[in-house]
Amino acid sequence: MSLVGSRKENQVDPWAYLRSVFTDLPRGAGHEDLLPDRWLAANPTHRWAIANRRKEERLAKT
């Protein structure tokens, strides 16, 4: 649960992040490298922008 919360707080794409965790962890990746903030620094193209878009859409409707 904390992984999902940290992922959301750091705006990390959930699918890309969890796929990476579940494939890299068994291969011996260090757990610190898989923390959402560090993972995003190494994979910047996977920033999750959907929450921001939805917020902008809600504000535009009001």
C-alpha atoms as a PDB file:
ATOM      1  CA  MET A   1       0.000   0.000   0.000  1.00  0.00           C
ATOM      2  CA  SER A   2       2.841   2.402   0.742  1.00  0.00           C
ATOM      3  CA  LEU A   3       4.305   1.746  -2.718  1.00  0.00           C
ATOM      4  CA  VAL A   4       1.046   2.779  -4.332  1.00  0.00           C
ATOM      5  CA  GLY A   5       0.746   5.862  -2.116  1.00  0.00           C
ATOM      6  CA  SER A   6       4.343   6.898  -2.800  1.00  0.00           C
ATOM      7  CA  ARG A   7       3.849   6.319  -6.490  1.00  0.00           C
ATOM      8  CA  LYS A   8       0.790   8.542  -6.488  1.00  0.00           C
ATOM      9  CA  GLU A   9       2.503  11.273  -4.457  1.00  0.00           C
ATOM     10  CA  ASN A  10       5.448  11.312  -6.885  1.00  0.00           C
ATOM     11  CA  GLN A  11       3.161  11.261  -9.961  1.00  0.00           C
ATOM     12  CA  VAL A  12       4.620   8.065 -11.357  1.00  0.00           C
ATOM     13  CA  ASP A  13       2.764   6.141 -14.092  1.00  0.00           C
ATOM     14  CA  PRO A  14       1.337   3.180 -12.141  1.00  0.00           C
ATOM     15  CA  TRP A  15       1.491   0.599 -14.918  1.00  0.00           C
ATOM     16  CA  ALA A  16       5.067   1.368 -15.948  1.00  0.00           C
ATOM     17  CA  TYR A  17       6.251   1.534 -12.351  1.00  0.00           C
ATOM     18  CA  LEU A  18       4.665  -1.703 -11.138  1.00  0.00           C
ATOM     19  CA  ARG A  19       5.742  -3.552 -14.281  1.00  0.00           C
ATOM     20  CA  SER A  20       9.304  -2.410 -13.651  1.00  0.00           C
ATOM     21  CA  VAL A  21       9.198  -3.342  -9.960  1.00  0.00           C
ATOM     22  CA  PHE A  22       7.839  -6.826 -10.637  1.00  0.00           C
ATOM     23  CA  THR A  23      10.397  -7.534 -13.361  1.00  0.00           C
ATOM     24  CA  ASP A  24      13.474  -5.866 -11.844  1.00  0.00           C
ATOM     25  CA  LEU A  25      13.091  -7.009  -8.238  1.00  0.00           C
ATOM     26  CA  PRO A  26      13.461 -10.742  -9.029  1.00  0.00           C
ATOM     27  CA  ARG A  27      16.525  -9.896 -11.118  1.00  0.00           C
ATOM     28  CA  GLY A  28      18.237  -8.508  -8.032  1.00  0.00           C
ATOM     29  CA  ALA A  29      17.610  -4.791  -8.427  1.00  0.00           C
ATOM     30  CA  GLY A  30      18.244  -2.830  -5.254  1.00  0.00           C
ATOM     31  CA  HIS A  31      15.112  -1.799  -3.428  1.00  0.00           C
ATOM     32  CA  GLU A  32      16.349   1.791  -3.115  1.00  0.00           C
ATOM     33  CA  ASP A  33      16.529   2.089  -6.904  1.00  0.00           C
ATOM     34  CA  LEU A  34      12.882   1.061  -7.088  1.00  0.00           C
ATOM     35  CA  LEU A  35      11.590   3.759  -4.750  1.00  0.00           C
ATOM     36  CA  PRO A  36       9.127   5.871  -6.762  1.00  0.00           C
ATOM     37  CA  ASP A  37      11.092   9.126  -6.600  1.00  0.00           C
ATOM     38  CA  ARG A  38      14.380   7.489  -7.619  1.00  0.00           C
ATOM     39  CA  TRP A  39      12.684   5.328 -10.218  1.00  0.00           C
ATOM     40  CA  LEU A  40      11.095   8.400 -11.802  1.00  0.00           C
ATOM     41  CA  ALA A  41      14.458  10.194 -11.892  1.00  0.00           C
ATOM     42  CA  ALA A  42      15.811   7.256 -13.912  1.00  0.00           C
ATOM     43  CA  ASN A  43      12.630   7.020 -16.046  1.00  0.00           C
ATOM     44  CA  PRO A  44      11.395  10.610 -16.525  1.00  0.00           C
ATOM     45  CA  THR A  45       9.175   9.755 -19.484  1.00  0.00           C
ATOM     46  CA  HIS A  46       6.883   7.874 -17.108  1.00  0.00           C
ATOM     47  CA  ARG A  47       5.600  10.893 -15.181  1.00  0.00           C
ATOM     48  CA  TRP A  48       1.872  10.426 -14.607  1.00  0.00           C
ATOM     49  CA  ALA A  49       0.017  13.475 -15.854  1.00  0.00           C
ATOM     50  CA  ILE A  50      -3.535  12.139 -15.821  1.00  0.00           C
ATOM     51  CA  ALA A  51      -4.325  13.528 -12.363  1.00  0.00           C
ATOM     52  CA  ASN A  52      -3.231  16.998 -13.456  1.00  0.00           C
ATOM     53  CA  ARG A  53      -5.304  16.785 -16.645  1.00  0.00           C
ATOM     54  CA  ARG A  54      -8.400  15.713 -14.730  1.00  0.00           C
ATOM     55  CA  LYS A  55      -7.926  18.562 -12.254  1.00  0.00           C
ATOM     56  CA  GLU A  56      -7.621  21.059 -15.120  1.00  0.00           C
ATOM     57  CA  GLU A  57     -10.762  19.636 -16.757  1.00  0.00           C
ATOM     58  CA  ARG A  58     -12.751  19.942 -13.517  1.00  0.00           C
ATOM     59  CA  LEU A  59     -11.615  23.540 -13.078  1.00  0.00           C
ATOM     60  CA  ALA A  60     -12.515  24.367 -16.669  1.00  0.00           C
ATOM     61  CA  LYS A  61     -16.079  23.076 -16.158  1.00  0.00           C
ATOM     62  CA  THR A  62     -16.717  25.375 -13.220  1.00  0.00           C
END
